[in-house]
Amino acid sequence: LDIDTERGSVALIMNVSSNKHGKKD
């Protein structure tokens, strides 16, 4: 996606528990 991180904050949350998918980002 080549996000311009100077325009705003970016948070990446990895391997979160998900009822639907087991794990997700």
mmCIF file of all heavy atoms, coordinates in Angstrom:
data_MODEL
# 
_entry.id   MODEL 
# 
loop_
_atom_site.group_PDB 
_atom_site.id 
_atom_site.type_symbol 
_atom_site.label_atom_id 
_atom_site.label_alt_id 
_atom_site.label_comp_id 
_atom_site.label_asym_id 
_atom_site.label_entity_id 
_atom_site.label_seq_id 
_atom_site.pdbx_PDB_ins_code 
_atom_site.Cartn_x 
_atom_site.Cartn_y 
_atom_site.Cartn_z 
_atom_site.occupancy 
_atom_site.B_iso_or_equiv 
_atom_site.pdbx_formal_charge 
_atom_site.auth_seq_id 
_atom_site.auth_comp_id 
_atom_site.auth_asym_id 
_atom_site.auth_atom_id 
_atom_site.pdbx_PDB_model_num 
ATOM 1   N N   . LEU A 1 1  ? 0.812   -1.216  0.000  1.00 0.00 ? 1  LEU A N   1 
ATOM 2   C CA  . LEU A 1 1  ? 0.000   0.000   0.000  1.00 0.00 ? 1  LEU A CA  1 
ATOM 3   C C   . LEU A 1 1  ? 0.844   1.263   0.000  1.00 0.00 ? 1  LEU A C   1 
ATOM 4   O O   . LEU A 1 1  ? 0.372   2.330   -0.359 1.00 0.00 ? 1  LEU A O   1 
ATOM 5   C CB  . LEU A 1 1  ? -0.948  0.017   1.202  1.00 0.00 ? 1  LEU A CB  1 
ATOM 6   C CG  . LEU A 1 1  ? -2.070  -0.999  1.159  1.00 0.00 ? 1  LEU A CG  1 
ATOM 7   C CD1 . LEU A 1 1  ? -2.894  -0.918  2.439  1.00 0.00 ? 1  LEU A CD1 1 
ATOM 8   C CD2 . LEU A 1 1  ? -2.959  -0.790  -0.058 1.00 0.00 ? 1  LEU A CD2 1 
ATOM 9   N N   . ASP A 1 2  ? 2.105   1.150   0.424  1.00 0.00 ? 2  ASP A N   1 
ATOM 10  C CA  . ASP A 1 2  ? 3.028   2.291   0.432  1.00 0.00 ? 2  ASP A CA  1 
ATOM 11  C C   . ASP A 1 2  ? 2.390   3.506   1.114  1.00 0.00 ? 2  ASP A C   1 
ATOM 12  O O   . ASP A 1 2  ? 2.273   4.580   0.542  1.00 0.00 ? 2  ASP A O   1 
ATOM 13  C CB  . ASP A 1 2  ? 3.458   2.628   -0.999 1.00 0.00 ? 2  ASP A CB  1 
ATOM 14  C CG  . ASP A 1 2  ? 4.660   3.559   -1.033 1.00 0.00 ? 2  ASP A CG  1 
ATOM 15  O OD1 . ASP A 1 2  ? 5.461   3.530   -0.074 1.00 0.00 ? 2  ASP A OD1 1 
ATOM 16  O OD2 . ASP A 1 2  ? 4.794   4.313   -2.004 1.00 0.00 ? 2  ASP A OD2 1 
ATOM 17  N N   . ILE A 1 3  ? 1.989   3.309   2.368  1.00 0.00 ? 3  ILE A N   1 
ATOM 18  C CA  . ILE A 1 3  ? 1.308   4.339   3.157  1.00 0.00 ? 3  ILE A CA  1 
ATOM 19  C C   . ILE A 1 3  ? 2.271   5.469   3.506  1.00 0.00 ? 3  ILE A C   1 
ATOM 20  O O   . ILE A 1 3  ? 3.396   5.236   3.929  1.00 0.00 ? 3  ILE A O   1 
ATOM 21  C CB  . ILE A 1 3  ? 0.743   3.732   4.461  1.00 0.00 ? 3  ILE A CB  1 
ATOM 22  C CG1 . ILE A 1 3  ? -0.245  2.603   4.159  1.00 0.00 ? 3  ILE A CG1 1 
ATOM 23  C CG2 . ILE A 1 3  ? 0.116   4.797   5.346  1.00 0.00 ? 3  ILE A CG2 1 
ATOM 24  C CD1 . ILE A 1 3  ? -1.496  3.019   3.472  1.00 0.00 ? 3  ILE A CD1 1 
ATOM 25  N N   . ASP A 1 4  ? 1.823   6.705   3.343  1.00 0.00 ? 4  ASP A N   1 
ATOM 26  C CA  . ASP A 1 4  ? 2.595   7.885   3.740  1.00 0.00 ? 4  ASP A CA  1 
ATOM 27  C C   . ASP A 1 4  ? 2.441   8.062   5.248  1.00 0.00 ? 4  ASP A C   1 
ATOM 28  O O   . ASP A 1 4  ? 1.452   8.619   5.724  1.00 0.00 ? 4  ASP A O   1 
ATOM 29  C CB  . ASP A 1 4  ? 2.087   9.117   2.993  1.00 0.00 ? 4  ASP A CB  1 
ATOM 30  C CG  . ASP A 1 4  ? 2.871   10.372  3.334  1.00 0.00 ? 4  ASP A CG  1 
ATOM 31  O OD1 . ASP A 1 4  ? 3.870   10.282  4.084  1.00 0.00 ? 4  ASP A OD1 1 
ATOM 32  O OD2 . ASP A 1 4  ? 2.482   11.455  2.851  1.00 0.00 ? 4  ASP A OD2 1 
ATOM 33  N N   . THR A 1 5  ? 3.409   7.588   6.010  1.00 0.00 ? 5  THR A N   1 
ATOM 34  C CA  . THR A 1 5  ? 3.313   7.614   7.468  1.00 0.00 ? 5  THR A CA  1 
ATOM 35  C C   . THR A 1 5  ? 3.504   9.006   8.053  1.00 0.00 ? 5  THR A C   1 
ATOM 36  O O   . THR A 1 5  ? 3.273   9.205   9.237  1.00 0.00 ? 5  THR A O   1 
ATOM 37  C CB  . THR A 1 5  ? 4.341   6.643   8.098  1.00 0.00 ? 5  THR A CB  1 
ATOM 38  O OG1 . THR A 1 5  ? 5.644   6.969   7.618  1.00 0.00 ? 5  THR A OG1 1 
ATOM 39  C CG2 . THR A 1 5  ? 4.003   5.212   7.750  1.00 0.00 ? 5  THR A CG2 1 
ATOM 40  N N   . GLU A 1 6  ? 3.891   9.964   7.231  1.00 0.00 ? 6  GLU A N   1 
ATOM 41  C CA  . GLU A 1 6  ? 4.003   11.336  7.725  1.00 0.00 ? 6  GLU A CA  1 
ATOM 42  C C   . GLU A 1 6  ? 2.634   11.999  7.845  1.00 0.00 ? 6  GLU A C   1 
ATOM 43  O O   . GLU A 1 6  ? 2.480   12.980  8.544  1.00 0.00 ? 6  GLU A O   1 
ATOM 44  C CB  . GLU A 1 6  ? 4.919   12.153  6.821  1.00 0.00 ? 6  GLU A CB  1 
ATOM 45  C CG  . GLU A 1 6  ? 6.370   11.715  6.923  1.00 0.00 ? 6  GLU A CG  1 
ATOM 46  C CD  . GLU A 1 6  ? 7.294   12.557  6.069  1.00 0.00 ? 6  GLU A CD  1 
ATOM 47  O OE1 . GLU A 1 6  ? 6.884   13.650  5.631  1.00 0.00 ? 6  GLU A OE1 1 
ATOM 48  O OE2 . GLU A 1 6  ? 8.428   12.120  5.855  1.00 0.00 ? 6  GLU A OE2 1 
ATOM 49  N N   . ARG A 1 7  ? 1.639   11.468  7.145  1.00 0.00 ? 7  ARG A N   1 
ATOM 50  C CA  . ARG A 1 7  ? 0.282   12.029  7.211  1.00 0.00 ? 7  ARG A CA  1 
ATOM 51  C C   . ARG A 1 7  ? -0.469  11.599  8.457  1.00 0.00 ? 7  ARG A C   1 
ATOM 52  O O   . ARG A 1 7  ? -1.404  12.251  8.877  1.00 0.00 ? 7  ARG A O   1 
ATOM 53  C CB  . ARG A 1 7  ? -0.523  11.605  5.988  1.00 0.00 ? 7  ARG A CB  1 
ATOM 54  C CG  . ARG A 1 7  ? -0.084  12.296  4.736  1.00 0.00 ? 7  ARG A CG  1 
ATOM 55  C CD  . ARG A 1 7  ? -0.979  12.048  3.551  1.00 0.00 ? 7  ARG A CD  1 
ATOM 56  N NE  . ARG A 1 7  ? -2.073  11.119  3.783  1.00 0.00 ? 7  ARG A NE  1 
ATOM 57  C CZ  . ARG A 1 7  ? -2.646  10.393  2.848  1.00 0.00 ? 7  ARG A CZ  1 
ATOM 58  N NH1 . ARG A 1 7  ? -2.231  10.473  1.610  1.00 0.00 ? 7  ARG A NH1 1 
ATOM 59  N NH2 . ARG A 1 7  ? -3.634  9.581   3.112  1.00 0.00 ? 7  ARG A NH2 1 
ATOM 60  N N   . GLY A 1 8  ? -0.101  10.469  9.034  1.00 0.00 ? 8  GLY A N   1 
ATOM 61  C CA  . GLY A 1 8  ? -0.819  9.991   10.208 1.00 0.00 ? 8  GLY A CA  1 
ATOM 62  C C   . GLY A 1 8  ? -0.138  8.796   10.835 1.00 0.00 ? 8  GLY A C   1 
ATOM 63  O O   . GLY A 1 8  ? 0.854   8.286   10.326 1.00 0.00 ? 8  GLY A O   1 
ATOM 64  N N   . SER A 1 9  ? -0.687  8.355   11.948 1.00 0.00 ? 9  SER A N   1 
ATOM 65  C CA  . SER A 1 9  ? -0.143  7.211   12.678 1.00 0.00 ? 9  SER A CA  1 
ATOM 66  C C   . SER A 1 9  ? -0.606  5.908   12.044 1.00 0.00 ? 9  SER A C   1 
ATOM 67  O O   . SER A 1 9  ? -1.710  5.820   11.506 1.00 0.00 ? 9  SER A O   1 
ATOM 68  C CB  . SER A 1 9  ? -0.619  7.243   14.131 1.00 0.00 ? 9  SER A CB  1 
ATOM 69  O OG  . SER A 1 9  ? -0.214  8.422   14.753 1.00 0.00 ? 9  SER A OG  1 
ATOM 70  N N   . VAL A 1 10 ? 0.253   4.901   12.144 1.00 0.00 ? 10 VAL A N   1 
ATOM 71  C CA  . VAL A 1 10 ? -0.063  3.577   11.630 1.00 0.00 ? 10 VAL A CA  1 
ATOM 72  C C   . VAL A 1 10 ? 0.163   2.573   12.745 1.00 0.00 ? 10 VAL A C   1 
ATOM 73  O O   . VAL A 1 10 ? 1.216   2.568   13.371 1.00 0.00 ? 10 VAL A O   1 
ATOM 74  C CB  . VAL A 1 10 ? 0.827   3.215   10.413 1.00 0.00 ? 10 VAL A CB  1 
ATOM 75  C CG1 . VAL A 1 10 ? 0.554   1.795   9.956  1.00 0.00 ? 10 VAL A CG1 1 
ATOM 76  C CG2 . VAL A 1 10 ? 0.624   4.197   9.281  1.00 0.00 ? 10 VAL A CG2 1 
ATOM 77  N N   . ALA A 1 11 ? -0.841  1.730   12.998 1.00 0.00 ? 11 ALA A N   1 
ATOM 78  C CA  . ALA A 1 11 ? -0.702  0.665   13.991 1.00 0.00 ? 11 ALA A CA  1 
ATOM 79  C C   . ALA A 1 11 ? -0.947  -0.664  13.295 1.00 0.00 ? 11 ALA A C   1 
ATOM 80  O O   . ALA A 1 11 ? -1.962  -0.842  12.614 1.00 0.00 ? 11 ALA A O   1 
ATOM 81  C CB  . ALA A 1 11 ? -1.696  0.857   15.128 1.00 0.00 ? 11 ALA A CB  1 
ATOM 82  N N   . LEU A 1 12 ? -0.012  -1.592  13.448 1.00 0.00 ? 12 LEU A N   1 
ATOM 83  C CA  . LEU A 1 12 ? -0.150  -2.937  12.911 1.00 0.00 ? 12 LEU A CA  1 
ATOM 84  C C   . LEU A 1 12 ? -0.264  -3.884  14.096 1.00 0.00 ? 12 LEU A C   1 
ATOM 85  O O   . LEU A 1 12 ? 0.622   -3.937  14.940 1.00 0.00 ? 12 LEU A O   1 
ATOM 86  C CB  . LEU A 1 12 ? 1.058   -3.310  12.044 1.00 0.00 ? 12 LEU A CB  1 
ATOM 87  C CG  . LEU A 1 12 ? 1.178   -4.771  11.613 1.00 0.00 ? 12 LEU A CG  1 
ATOM 88  C CD1 . LEU A 1 12 ? -0.035  -5.207  10.807 1.00 0.00 ? 12 LEU A CD1 1 
ATOM 89  C CD2 . LEU A 1 12 ? 2.459   -4.987  10.838 1.00 0.00 ? 12 LEU A CD2 1 
ATOM 90  N N   . ILE A 1 13 ? -1.376  -4.577  14.161 1.00 0.00 ? 13 ILE A N   1 
ATOM 91  C CA  . ILE A 1 13 ? -1.615  -5.537  15.237 1.00 0.00 ? 13 ILE A CA  1 
ATOM 92  C C   . ILE A 1 13 ? -1.646  -6.909  14.591 1.00 0.00 ? 13 ILE A C   1 
ATOM 93  O O   . ILE A 1 13 ? -2.482  -7.171  13.721 1.00 0.00 ? 13 ILE A O   1 
ATOM 94  C CB  . ILE A 1 13 ? -2.945  -5.229  15.958 1.00 0.00 ? 13 ILE A CB  1 
ATOM 95  C CG1 . ILE A 1 13 ? -2.966  -3.755  16.381 1.00 0.00 ? 13 ILE A CG1 1 
ATOM 96  C CG2 . ILE A 1 13 ? -3.134  -6.134  17.157 1.00 0.00 ? 13 ILE A CG2 1 
ATOM 97  C CD1 . ILE A 1 13 ? -4.315  -3.137  16.343 1.00 0.00 ? 13 ILE A CD1 1 
ATOM 98  N N   . MET A 1 14 ? -0.741  -7.773  15.010 1.00 0.00 ? 14 MET A N   1 
ATOM 99  C CA  . MET A 1 14 ? -0.602  -9.067  14.347 1.00 0.00 ? 14 MET A CA  1 
ATOM 100 C C   . MET A 1 14 ? -1.043  -10.215 15.251 1.00 0.00 ? 14 MET A C   1 
ATOM 101 O O   . MET A 1 14 ? -0.892  -10.159 16.462 1.00 0.00 ? 14 MET A O   1 
ATOM 102 C CB  . MET A 1 14 ? 0.853   -9.276  13.915 1.00 0.00 ? 14 MET A CB  1 
ATOM 103 C CG  . MET A 1 14 ? 1.334   -8.229  12.917 1.00 0.00 ? 14 MET A CG  1 
ATOM 104 S SD  . MET A 1 14 ? 3.031   -8.462  12.397 1.00 0.00 ? 14 MET A SD  1 
ATOM 105 C CE  . MET A 1 14 ? 2.845   -9.877  11.323 1.00 0.00 ? 14 MET A CE  1 
ATOM 106 N N   . ASN A 1 15 ? -1.591  -11.233 14.604 1.00 0.00 ? 15 ASN A N   1 
ATOM 107 C CA  . ASN A 1 15 ? -1.994  -12.480 15.265 1.00 0.00 ? 15 ASN A CA  1 
ATOM 108 C C   . ASN A 1 15 ? -2.971  -12.271 16.412 1.00 0.00 ? 15 ASN A C   1 
ATOM 109 O O   . ASN A 1 15 ? -2.839  -12.848 17.486 1.00 0.00 ? 15 ASN A O   1 
ATOM 110 C CB  . ASN A 1 15 ? -0.766  -13.259 15.736 1.00 0.00 ? 15 ASN A CB  1 
ATOM 111 C CG  . ASN A 1 15 ? 0.078   -13.725 14.587 1.00 0.00 ? 15 ASN A CG  1 
ATOM 112 O OD1 . ASN A 1 15 ? -0.444  -14.237 13.599 1.00 0.00 ? 15 ASN A OD1 1 
ATOM 113 N ND2 . ASN A 1 15 ? 1.374   -13.531 14.686 1.00 0.00 ? 15 ASN A ND2 1 
ATOM 114 N N   . VAL A 1 16 ? -3.977  -11.443 16.158 1.00 0.00 ? 16 VAL A N   1 
ATOM 115 C CA  . VAL A 1 16 ? -5.033  -11.187 17.126 1.00 0.00 ? 16 VAL A CA  1 
ATOM 116 C C   . VAL A 1 16 ? -6.039  -12.332 17.061 1.00 0.00 ? 16 VAL A C   1 
ATOM 117 O O   . VAL A 1 16 ? -6.344  -12.834 15.979 1.00 0.00 ? 16 VAL A O   1 
ATOM 118 C CB  . VAL A 1 16 ? -5.749  -9.847  16.790 1.00 0.00 ? 16 VAL A CB  1 
ATOM 119 C CG1 . VAL A 1 16 ? -6.894  -9.583  17.726 1.00 0.00 ? 16 VAL A CG1 1 
ATOM 120 C CG2 . VAL A 1 16 ? -4.752  -8.716  16.818 1.00 0.00 ? 16 VAL A CG2 1 
ATOM 121 N N   . SER A 1 17 ? -6.549  -12.747 18.209 1.00 0.00 ? 17 SER A N   1 
ATOM 122 C CA  . SER A 1 17 ? -7.573  -13.791 18.219 1.00 0.00 ? 17 SER A CA  1 
ATOM 123 C C   . SER A 1 17 ? -8.829  -13.313 17.510 1.00 0.00 ? 17 SER A C   1 
ATOM 124 O O   . SER A 1 17 ? -9.240  -12.168 17.646 1.00 0.00 ? 17 SER A O   1 
ATOM 125 C CB  . SER A 1 17 ? -7.928  -14.172 19.659 1.00 0.00 ? 17 SER A CB  1 
ATOM 126 O OG  . SER A 1 17 ? -6.831  -14.777 20.277 1.00 0.00 ? 17 SER A OG  1 
ATOM 127 N N   . SER A 1 18 ? -9.421  -14.216 16.735 1.00 0.00 ? 18 SER A N   1 
ATOM 128 C CA  . SER A 1 18 ? -10.632 -13.902 15.991 1.00 0.00 ? 18 SER A CA  1 
ATOM 129 C C   . SER A 1 18 ? -11.575 -15.097 16.062 1.00 0.00 ? 18 SER A C   1 
ATOM 130 O O   . SER A 1 18 ? -11.168 -16.225 15.782 1.00 0.00 ? 18 SER A O   1 
ATOM 131 C CB  . SER A 1 18 ? -10.279 -13.606 14.529 1.00 0.00 ? 18 SER A CB  1 
ATOM 132 O OG  . SER A 1 18 ? -11.432 -13.588 13.725 1.00 0.00 ? 18 SER A OG  1 
ATOM 133 N N   . ASN A 1 19 ? -12.824 -14.850 16.438 1.00 0.00 ? 19 ASN A N   1 
ATOM 134 C CA  . ASN A 1 19 ? -13.808 -15.935 16.485 1.00 0.00 ? 19 ASN A CA  1 
ATOM 135 C C   . ASN A 1 19 ? -14.057 -16.509 15.099 1.00 0.00 ? 19 ASN A C   1 
ATOM 136 O O   . ASN A 1 19 ? -14.266 -17.702 14.934 1.00 0.00 ? 19 ASN A O   1 
ATOM 137 C CB  . ASN A 1 19 ? -15.133 -15.432 17.071 1.00 0.00 ? 19 ASN A CB  1 
ATOM 138 C CG  . ASN A 1 19 ? -15.006 -15.078 18.530 1.00 0.00 ? 19 ASN A CG  1 
ATOM 139 O OD1 . ASN A 1 19 ? -14.166 -15.620 19.236 1.00 0.00 ? 19 ASN A OD1 1 
ATOM 140 N ND2 . ASN A 1 19 ? -15.833 -14.161 18.977 1.00 0.00 ? 19 ASN A ND2 1 
ATOM 141 N N   . LYS A 1 20 ? -14.024 -15.650 14.091 1.00 0.00 ? 20 LYS A N   1 
ATOM 142 C CA  . LYS A 1 20 ? -14.345 -16.048 12.724 1.00 0.00 ? 20 LYS A CA  1 
ATOM 143 C C   . LYS A 1 20 ? -13.177 -16.728 12.016 1.00 0.00 ? 20 LYS A C   1 
ATOM 144 O O   . LYS A 1 20 ? -13.356 -17.681 11.265 1.00 0.00 ? 20 LYS A O   1 
ATOM 145 C CB  . LYS A 1 20 ? -14.752 -14.797 11.944 1.00 0.00 ? 20 LYS A CB  1 
ATOM 146 C CG  . LYS A 1 20 ? -15.558 -15.021 10.717 1.00 0.00 ? 20 LYS A CG  1 
ATOM 147 C CD  . LYS A 1 20 ? -15.946 -13.668 10.145 1.00 0.00 ? 20 LYS A CD  1 
ATOM 148 C CE  . LYS A 1 20 ? -17.082 -13.770 9.188  1.00 0.00 ? 20 LYS A CE  1 
ATOM 149 N NZ  . LYS A 1 20 ? -17.437 -12.482 8.608  1.00 0.00 ? 20 LYS A NZ  1 
ATOM 150 N N   . HIS A 1 21 ? -11.950 -16.212 12.215 1.00 0.00 ? 21 HIS A N   1 
ATOM 151 C CA  . HIS A 1 21 ? -10.787 -16.675 11.455 1.00 0.00 ? 21 HIS A CA  1 
ATOM 152 C C   . HIS A 1 21 ? -9.716  -17.367 12.293 1.00 0.00 ? 21 HIS A C   1 
ATOM 153 O O   . HIS A 1 21 ? -8.690  -17.761 11.749 1.00 0.00 ? 21 HIS A O   1 
ATOM 154 C CB  . HIS A 1 21 ? -10.145 -15.490 10.725 1.00 0.00 ? 21 HIS A CB  1 
ATOM 155 C CG  . HIS A 1 21 ? -11.089 -14.766 9.825  1.00 0.00 ? 21 HIS A CG  1 
ATOM 156 N ND1 . HIS A 1 21 ? -11.528 -15.282 8.634  1.00 0.00 ? 21 HIS A ND1 1 
ATOM 157 C CD2 . HIS A 1 21 ? -11.700 -13.566 9.947  1.00 0.00 ? 21 HIS A CD2 1 
ATOM 158 C CE1 . HIS A 1 21 ? -12.361 -14.441 8.057  1.00 0.00 ? 21 HIS A CE1 1 
ATOM 159 N NE2 . HIS A 1 21 ? -12.490 -13.395 8.831  1.00 0.00 ? 21 HIS A NE2 1 
ATOM 160 N N   . GLY A 1 22 ? -9.896  -17.485 13.585 1.00 0.00 ? 22 GLY A N   1 
ATOM 161 C CA  . GLY A 1 22 ? -8.871  -18.048 14.450 1.00 0.00 ? 22 GLY A CA  1 
ATOM 162 C C   . GLY A 1 22 ? -7.863  -16.986 14.850 1.00 0.00 ? 22 GLY A C   1 
ATOM 163 O O   . GLY A 1 22 ? -7.814  -16.542 15.981 1.00 0.00 ? 22 GLY A O   1 
ATOM 164 N N   . LYS A 1 23 ? -7.067  -16.536 13.890 1.00 0.00 ? 23 LYS A N   1 
ATOM 165 C CA  . LYS A 1 23 ? -6.106  -15.441 14.080 1.00 0.00 ? 23 LYS A CA  1 
ATOM 166 C C   . LYS A 1 23 ? -6.228  -14.488 12.903 1.00 0.00 ? 23 LYS A C   1 
ATOM 167 O O   . LYS A 1 23 ? -6.585  -14.894 11.801 1.00 0.00 ? 23 LYS A O   1 
ATOM 168 C CB  . LYS A 1 23 ? -4.666  -15.961 14.135 1.00 0.00 ? 23 LYS A CB  1 
ATOM 169 C CG  . LYS A 1 23 ? -4.356  -16.859 15.307 1.00 0.00 ? 23 LYS A CG  1 
ATOM 170 C CD  . LYS A 1 23 ? -3.903  -16.040 16.458 1.00 0.00 ? 23 LYS A CD  1 
ATOM 171 C CE  . LYS A 1 23 ? -3.457  -16.947 17.606 1.00 0.00 ? 23 LYS A CE  1 
ATOM 172 N NZ  . LYS A 1 23 ? -3.200  -16.204 18.787 1.00 0.00 ? 23 LYS A NZ  1 
ATOM 173 N N   . LYS A 1 24 ? -5.920  -13.209 13.134 1.00 0.00 ? 24 LYS A N   1 
ATOM 174 C CA  . LYS A 1 24 ? -5.986  -12.214 12.070 1.00 0.00 ? 24 LYS A CA  1 
ATOM 175 C C   . LYS A 1 24 ? -5.034  -11.076 12.375 1.00 0.00 ? 24 LYS A C   1 
ATOM 176 O O   . LYS A 1 24 ? -4.539  -10.947 13.490 1.00 0.00 ? 24 LYS A O   1 
ATOM 177 C CB  . LYS A 1 24 ? -7.406  -11.667 11.915 1.00 0.00 ? 24 LYS A CB  1 
ATOM 178 C CG  . LYS A 1 24 ? -7.878  -10.853 13.122 1.00 0.00 ? 24 LYS A CG  1 
ATOM 179 C CD  . LYS A 1 24 ? -9.266  -10.320 12.924 1.00 0.00 ? 24 LYS A CD  1 
ATOM 180 C CE  . LYS A 1 24 ? -9.725  -9.500  14.136 1.00 0.00 ? 24 LYS A CE  1 
ATOM 181 N NZ  . LYS A 1 24 ? -11.070 -8.953  13.960 1.00 0.00 ? 24 LYS A NZ  1 
ATOM 182 N N   . ASP A 1 25 ? -4.771  -10.251 11.364 1.00 0.00 ? 25 ASP A N   1 
ATOM 183 C CA  . ASP A 1 25 ? -4.018  -9.007  11.532 1.00 0.00 ? 25 ASP A CA  1 
ATOM 184 C C   . ASP A 1 25 ? -4.980  -7.841  11.340 1.00 0.00 ? 25 ASP A C   1 
ATOM 185 O O   . ASP A 1 25 ? -5.977  -7.964  10.619 1.00 0.00 ? 25 ASP A O   1 
ATOM 186 C CB  . ASP A 1 25 ? -2.894  -8.893  10.496 1.00 0.00 ? 25 ASP A CB  1 
ATOM 187 C CG  . ASP A 1 25 ? -1.723  -9.835  10.772 1.00 0.00 ? 25 ASP A CG  1 
ATOM 188 O OD1 . ASP A 1 25 ? -1.785  -10.596 11.751 1.00 0.00 ? 25 ASP A OD1 1 
ATOM 189 O OD2 . ASP A 1 25 ? -0.764  -9.796  9.987  1.00 0.00 ? 25 ASP A OD2 1 
# 
